[in-house]
Amino acid sequence: MENSVKKILEHIGEDPQREGLIDTPKRVQKAWEFMCGGYNQDPMEIMKSALFTSSNDEMVIVKDIEFYSMCEHHMLPIIGKAHVAYIPNGKVIGLSKIPRVVDVFARRLQIQEQLTEQISDAINEAIAPKGVAVVIDARHMCMEMRGVQKISSSTITSALRGIFKKEKKTKDEFLSIIASSFHK
């Protein structure tokens, strides 16, 4: 990877031996290993470490989960917030595990639509709740830094499963709770 970064620096007209760039290839490698660390993590293992029996059958929501991902088309940042809800069906997930699951999938090359689905499907598989809802509101640097250059535009995606898809009242309750969090 370091050699590839050196070649990129040369390709754009930089001198990889310039003082400020000498260690850049190493730093870029470390950064990419961190930003793509989700490939080395199993969301099921994370959730299995904190599953608990519960009689609760009311909505559980973790909102405003900040995440950083990389667009698989341009390898530029996606910056956003995820809002995750589920209605337990005998099992609950330790609350800290939900943001960790978001990070597992966000730390892979992504498209937002796929990221939303992956989070929802993983939670659905782990605890078979009555329903799962995931809404993501994110900015895409591939739209802001290049191309159409639409600064501060955001994209909202959702993945609804079970009762969130079938029951308008349940979906509306979730959306009203997270409404104040949307990008303004």
C-alpha atoms as a PDB file:
ATOM      1  CA  MET A   1       0.000   0.000   0.000  1.00  0.00           C
ATOM      2  CA  GLU A   2       2.832   2.393   0.831  1.00  0.00           C
ATOM      3  CA  ASN A   3       4.250   2.024  -2.680  1.00  0.00           C
ATOM      4  CA  SER A   4       0.819   2.665  -4.158  1.00  0.00           C
ATOM      5  CA  VAL A   5       0.483   5.876  -2.149  1.00  0.00           C
ATOM      6  CA  LYS A   6       3.917   6.989  -3.343  1.00  0.00           C
ATOM      7  CA  LYS A   7       2.788   6.394  -6.936  1.00  0.00           C
ATOM      8  CA  ILE A   8      -0.398   8.409  -6.334  1.00  0.00           C
ATOM      9  CA  LEU A   9       1.669  11.280  -4.931  1.00  0.00           C
ATOM     10  CA  GLU A  10       3.910  11.188  -7.992  1.00  0.00           C
ATOM     11  CA  HIS A  11       0.903  10.958 -10.325  1.00  0.00           C
ATOM     12  CA  ILE A  12      -0.646  14.148  -8.919  1.00  0.00           C
ATOM     13  CA  GLY A  13       2.658  15.998  -9.279  1.00  0.00           C
ATOM     14  CA  GLU A  14       4.031  15.735  -5.743  1.00  0.00           C
ATOM     15  CA  ASP A  15       7.451  14.659  -4.564  1.00  0.00           C
ATOM     16  CA  PRO A  16       7.086  11.728  -2.111  1.00  0.00           C
ATOM     17  CA  GLN A  17      10.513  12.638  -0.703  1.00  0.00           C
ATOM     18  CA  ARG A  18       9.400  16.160   0.264  1.00  0.00           C
ATOM     19  CA  GLU A  19       9.724  16.674   4.031  1.00  0.00           C
ATOM     20  CA  GLY A  20       5.999  16.828   4.728  1.00  0.00           C
ATOM     21  CA  LEU A  21       5.284  13.725   2.621  1.00  0.00           C
ATOM     22  CA  ILE A  22       8.049  11.319   3.660  1.00  0.00           C
ATOM     23  CA  ASP A  23       5.860   9.490   6.215  1.00  0.00           C
ATOM     24  CA  THR A  24       2.572  10.055   4.379  1.00  0.00           C
ATOM     25  CA  PRO A  25       2.438   6.572   2.793  1.00  0.00           C
ATOM     26  CA  LYS A  26       2.719   4.945   6.252  1.00  0.00           C
ATOM     27  CA  ARG A  27       0.102   7.286   7.696  1.00  0.00           C
ATOM     28  CA  VAL A  28      -2.276   6.649   4.788  1.00  0.00           C
ATOM     29  CA  GLN A  29      -1.900   2.902   5.231  1.00  0.00           C
ATOM     30  CA  LYS A  30      -2.698   3.137   8.955  1.00  0.00           C
ATOM     31  CA  ALA A  31      -5.675   5.402   8.249  1.00  0.00           C
ATOM     32  CA  TRP A  32      -7.107   3.036   5.629  1.00  0.00           C
ATOM     33  CA  GLU A  33      -6.609   0.028   7.880  1.00  0.00           C
ATOM     34  CA  PHE A  34      -8.666   1.803  10.537  1.00  0.00           C
ATOM     35  CA  MET A  35     -11.316   3.192   8.154  1.00  0.00           C
ATOM     36  CA  CYS A  36     -11.824  -0.248   6.586  1.00  0.00           C
ATOM     37  CA  GLY A  37     -11.515  -2.213   9.831  1.00  0.00           C
ATOM     38  CA  GLY A  38     -15.108  -3.394   9.527  1.00  0.00           C
ATOM     39  CA  TYR A  39     -14.041  -6.159   7.176  1.00  0.00           C
ATOM     40  CA  ASN A  40     -12.258  -7.815  10.111  1.00  0.00           C
ATOM     41  CA  GLN A  41     -15.218  -7.648  12.502  1.00  0.00           C
ATOM     42  CA  ASP A  42     -18.282  -9.847  12.830  1.00  0.00           C
ATOM     43  CA  PRO A  43     -21.451  -7.953  13.835  1.00  0.00           C
ATOM     44  CA  MET A  44     -23.048 -11.177  15.112  1.00  0.00           C
ATOM     45  CA  GLU A  45     -20.176 -11.781  17.523  1.00  0.00           C
ATOM     46  CA  ILE A  46     -20.509  -8.224  18.812  1.00  0.00           C
ATOM     47  CA  MET A  47     -24.231  -8.576  19.445  1.00  0.00           C
ATOM     48  CA  LYS A  48     -24.008 -12.137  20.845  1.00  0.00           C
ATOM     49  CA  SER A  49     -21.698 -10.821  23.562  1.00  0.00           C
ATOM     50  CA  ALA A  50     -24.564  -8.742  24.975  1.00  0.00           C
ATOM     51  CA  LEU A  51     -27.945 -10.417  24.371  1.00  0.00           C
ATOM     52  CA  PHE A  52     -30.333 -10.438  27.287  1.00  0.00           C
ATOM     53  CA  THR A  53     -33.734 -11.966  27.930  1.00  0.00           C
ATOM     54  CA  SER A  54     -36.363  -9.290  28.472  1.00  0.00           C
ATOM     55  CA  SER A  55     -40.131  -9.005  28.741  1.00  0.00           C
ATOM     56  CA  ASN A  56     -39.961  -5.504  27.235  1.00  0.00           C
ATOM     57  CA  ASP A  57     -42.082  -5.186  24.121  1.00  0.00           C
ATOM     58  CA  GLU A  58     -41.780  -1.432  23.616  1.00  0.00           C
ATOM     59  CA  MET A  59     -39.631   0.386  21.091  1.00  0.00           C
ATOM     60  CA  VAL A  60     -35.902   0.637  21.819  1.00  0.00           C
ATOM     61  CA  ILE A  61     -34.212   3.477  19.923  1.00  0.00           C
ATOM     62  CA  VAL A  62     -30.583   4.512  19.694  1.00  0.00           C
ATOM     63  CA  LYS A  63     -30.458   7.688  17.644  1.00  0.00           C
ATOM     64  CA  ASP A  64     -27.836  10.134  16.432  1.00  0.00           C
ATOM     65  CA  ILE A  65     -25.144   7.478  16.033  1.00  0.00           C
ATOM     66  CA  GLU A  66     -22.391   9.362  14.230  1.00  0.00           C
ATOM     67  CA  PHE A  67     -20.489   7.362  11.653  1.00  0.00           C
ATOM     68  CA  TYR A  68     -17.885   7.818   8.961  1.00  0.00           C
ATOM     69  CA  SER A  69     -17.746   5.591   5.923  1.00  0.00           C
ATOM     70  CA  MET A  70     -16.176   5.575   2.477  1.00  0.00           C
ATOM     71  CA  CYS A  71     -18.095   5.624  -0.793  1.00  0.00           C
ATOM     72  CA  GLU A  72     -17.294   2.522  -2.794  1.00  0.00           C
ATOM     73  CA  HIS A  73     -17.561   4.425  -6.076  1.00  0.00           C
ATOM     74  CA  HIS A  74     -15.073   7.244  -5.384  1.00  0.00           C
ATOM     75  CA  MET A  75     -13.488   6.183  -2.082  1.00  0.00           C
ATOM     76  CA  LEU A  76     -14.442   9.529  -0.561  1.00  0.00           C
ATOM     77  CA  PRO A  77     -16.018  10.050   2.877  1.00  0.00           C
ATOM     78  CA  ILE A  78     -19.647   9.585   3.804  1.00  0.00           C
ATOM     79  CA  ILE A  79     -20.435  11.409   7.060  1.00  0.00           C
ATOM     80  CA  GLY A  80     -23.714  10.820   8.802  1.00  0.00           C
ATOM     81  CA  LYS A  81     -25.962   9.723  11.601  1.00  0.00           C
ATOM     82  CA  ALA A  82     -27.800   6.462  11.971  1.00  0.00           C
ATOM     83  CA  HIS A  83     -31.023   6.021  13.920  1.00  0.00           C
ATOM     84  CA  VAL A  84     -31.798   2.444  14.919  1.00  0.00           C
ATOM     85  CA  ALA A  85     -34.939   1.074  16.540  1.00  0.00           C
ATOM     86  CA  TYR A  86     -36.322  -2.343  17.278  1.00  0.00           C
ATOM     87  CA  ILE A  87     -39.213  -3.844  19.192  1.00  0.00           C
ATOM     88  CA  PRO A  88     -37.994  -6.753  21.318  1.00  0.00           C
ATOM     89  CA  ASN A  89     -39.463 -10.214  21.073  1.00  0.00           C
ATOM     90  CA  GLY A  90     -37.941 -11.801  24.175  1.00  0.00           C
ATOM     91  CA  LYS A  91     -34.379 -10.550  23.662  1.00  0.00           C
ATOM     92  CA  VAL A  92     -32.633  -7.162  23.821  1.00  0.00           C
ATOM     93  CA  ILE A  93     -29.160  -6.097  22.717  1.00  0.00           C
ATOM     94  CA  GLY A  94     -26.816  -4.234  25.043  1.00  0.00           C
ATOM     95  CA  LEU A  95     -27.216  -0.606  23.976  1.00  0.00           C
ATOM     96  CA  SER A  96     -23.517   0.010  23.306  1.00  0.00           C
ATOM     97  CA  LYS A  97     -23.491  -2.813  20.786  1.00  0.00           C
ATOM     98  CA  ILE A  98     -25.813  -1.020  18.370  1.00  0.00           C
ATOM     99  CA  PRO A  99     -23.353   1.815  17.570  1.00  0.00           C
ATOM    100  CA  ARG A 100     -20.607  -0.815  17.294  1.00  0.00           C
ATOM    101  CA  VAL A 101     -22.656  -2.693  14.683  1.00  0.00           C
ATOM    102  CA  VAL A 102     -23.181   0.560  12.776  1.00  0.00           C
ATOM    103  CA  ASP A 103     -19.405   1.073  12.795  1.00  0.00           C
ATOM    104  CA  VAL A 104     -18.680  -2.482  11.599  1.00  0.00           C
ATOM    105  CA  PHE A 105     -20.660  -1.893   8.426  1.00  0.00           C
ATOM    106  CA  ALA A 106     -19.668   1.780   8.055  1.00  0.00           C
ATOM    107  CA  ARG A 107     -15.983   0.841   8.148  1.00  0.00           C
ATOM    108  CA  ARG A 108     -16.223  -0.879   4.808  1.00  0.00           C
ATOM    109  CA  LEU A 109     -16.461   0.583   1.328  1.00  0.00           C
ATOM    110  CA  GLN A 110     -20.176   1.320   1.071  1.00  0.00           C
ATOM    111  CA  ILE A 111     -23.176   2.776  -0.571  1.00  0.00           C
ATOM    112  CA  GLN A 112     -25.636   4.259   1.886  1.00  0.00           C
ATOM    113  CA  GLU A 113     -28.536   2.108   0.734  1.00  0.00           C
ATOM    114  CA  GLN A 114     -26.559  -1.061   1.433  1.00  0.00           C
ATOM    115  CA  LEU A 115     -25.283   0.212   4.789  1.00  0.00           C
ATOM    116  CA  THR A 116     -28.861   0.851   5.940  1.00  0.00           C
ATOM    117  CA  GLU A 117     -29.976  -2.644   4.914  1.00  0.00           C
ATOM    118  CA  GLN A 118     -26.970  -4.387   6.483  1.00  0.00           C
ATOM    119  CA  ILE A 119     -27.548  -2.823   9.906  1.00  0.00           C
ATOM    120  CA  SER A 120     -31.241  -3.694   9.845  1.00  0.00           C
ATOM    121  CA  ASP A 121     -30.704  -7.253   8.653  1.00  0.00           C
ATOM    122  CA  ALA A 122     -27.970  -7.944  11.227  1.00  0.00           C
ATOM    123  CA  ILE A 123     -30.175  -6.869  14.132  1.00  0.00           C
ATOM    124  CA  ASN A 124     -33.100  -8.802  12.685  1.00  0.00           C
ATOM    125  CA  GLU A 125     -30.958 -11.926  12.421  1.00  0.00           C
ATOM    126  CA  ALA A 126     -29.403 -11.559  15.886  1.00  0.00           C
ATOM    127  CA  ILE A 127     -32.578 -11.227  17.966  1.00  0.00           C
ATOM    128  CA  ALA A 128     -35.591 -11.816  15.655  1.00  0.00           C
ATOM    129  CA  PRO A 129     -37.449  -8.780  17.040  1.00  0.00           C
ATOM    130  CA  LYS A 130     -41.027  -7.843  16.202  1.00  0.00           C
ATOM    131  CA  GLY A 131     -39.547  -5.178  13.967  1.00  0.00           C
ATOM    132  CA  VAL A 132     -36.423  -3.190  13.109  1.00  0.00           C
ATOM    133  CA  ALA A 133     -36.106   0.307  11.676  1.00  0.00           C
ATOM    134  CA  VAL A 134     -32.924   2.000  10.503  1.00  0.00           C
ATOM    135  CA  VAL A 135     -32.779   5.500   9.065  1.00  0.00           C
ATOM    136  CA  ILE A 136     -29.524   7.055   7.921  1.00  0.00           C
ATOM    137  CA  ASP A 137     -29.024  10.749   7.146  1.00  0.00           C
ATOM    138  CA  ALA A 138     -25.634  11.374   5.547  1.00  0.00           C
ATOM    139  CA  ARG A 139     -23.517  13.742   3.508  1.00  0.00           C
ATOM    140  CA  HIS A 140     -21.466  12.346   0.645  1.00  0.00           C
ATOM    141  CA  MET A 141     -18.181  14.024  -0.171  1.00  0.00           C
ATOM    142  CA  CYS A 142     -18.365  12.561  -3.686  1.00  0.00           C
ATOM    143  CA  MET A 143     -21.311  14.945  -4.204  1.00  0.00           C
ATOM    144  CA  GLU A 144     -19.795  17.874  -2.314  1.00  0.00           C
ATOM    145  CA  MET A 145     -16.077  17.834  -3.159  1.00  0.00           C
ATOM    146  CA  ARG A 146     -16.347  16.881  -6.828  1.00  0.00           C
ATOM    147  CA  GLY A 147     -19.007  16.238  -9.455  1.00  0.00           C
ATOM    148  CA  VAL A 148     -22.157  18.269  -8.804  1.00  0.00           C
ATOM    149  CA  GLN A 149     -20.563  20.077  -5.803  1.00  0.00           C
ATOM    150  CA  LYS A 150     -23.806  20.371  -3.826  1.00  0.00           C
ATOM    151  CA  ILE A 151     -22.533  21.495  -0.450  1.00  0.00           C
ATOM    152  CA  SER A 152     -24.479  20.323   2.608  1.00  0.00           C
ATOM    153  CA  SER A 153     -26.938  18.193   0.659  1.00  0.00           C
ATOM    154  CA  SER A 154     -27.924  15.068   2.546  1.00  0.00           C
ATOM    155  CA  THR A 155     -29.294  11.686   1.613  1.00  0.00           C
ATOM    156  CA  ILE A 156     -31.800   9.840   3.784  1.00  0.00           C
ATOM    157  CA  THR A 157     -32.327   6.099   3.500  1.00  0.00           C
ATOM    158  CA  SER A 158     -34.456   3.713   5.506  1.00  0.00           C
ATOM    159  CA  ALA A 159     -34.776  -0.011   6.043  1.00  0.00           C
ATOM    160  CA  LEU A 160     -37.948  -1.143   7.777  1.00  0.00           C
ATOM    161  CA  ARG A 161     -38.644  -4.701   8.877  1.00  0.00           C
ATOM    162  CA  GLY A 162     -41.569  -6.421  10.574  1.00  0.00           C
ATOM    163  CA  ILE A 163     -44.005  -4.229  12.469  1.00  0.00           C
ATOM    164  CA  PHE A 164     -42.275  -1.024  11.302  1.00  0.00           C
ATOM    165  CA  LYS A 165     -43.169  -1.927   7.738  1.00  0.00           C
ATOM    166  CA  LYS A 166     -46.656  -3.299   8.487  1.00  0.00           C
ATOM    167  CA  GLU A 167     -47.952  -0.833  11.080  1.00  0.00           C
ATOM    168  CA  LYS A 168     -48.135   2.828  10.053  1.00  0.00           C
ATOM    169  CA  LYS A 169     -48.629   3.890  13.678  1.00  0.00           C
ATOM    170  CA  THR A 170     -45.379   2.205  14.764  1.00  0.00           C
ATOM    171  CA  LYS A 171     -43.408   3.645  11.854  1.00  0.00           C
ATOM    172  CA  ASP A 172     -44.841   7.123  12.505  1.00  0.00           C
ATOM    173  CA  GLU A 173     -43.911   6.937  16.201  1.00  0.00           C
ATOM    174  CA  PHE A 174     -40.307   6.086  15.293  1.00  0.00           C
ATOM    175  CA  LEU A 175     -40.090   8.825  12.667  1.00  0.00           C
ATOM    176  CA  SER A 176     -41.529  11.447  15.038  1.00  0.00           C
ATOM    177  CA  ILE A 177     -38.948  10.548  17.705  1.00  0.00           C
ATOM    178  CA  ILE A 178     -35.999  10.892  15.303  1.00  0.00           C
ATOM    179  CA  ALA A 179     -37.372  13.858  13.285  1.00  0.00           C
ATOM    180  CA  SER A 180     -35.428  16.479  15.239  1.00  0.00           C
ATOM    181  CA  SER A 181     -32.179  14.739  14.316  1.00  0.00           C
ATOM    182  CA  PHE A 182     -32.340  15.161  10.565  1.00  0.00           C
ATOM    183  CA  HIS A 183     -29.671  17.218   8.805  1.00  0.00           C
ATOM    184  CA  LYS A 184     -30.657  20.877   8.681  1.00  0.00           C
END
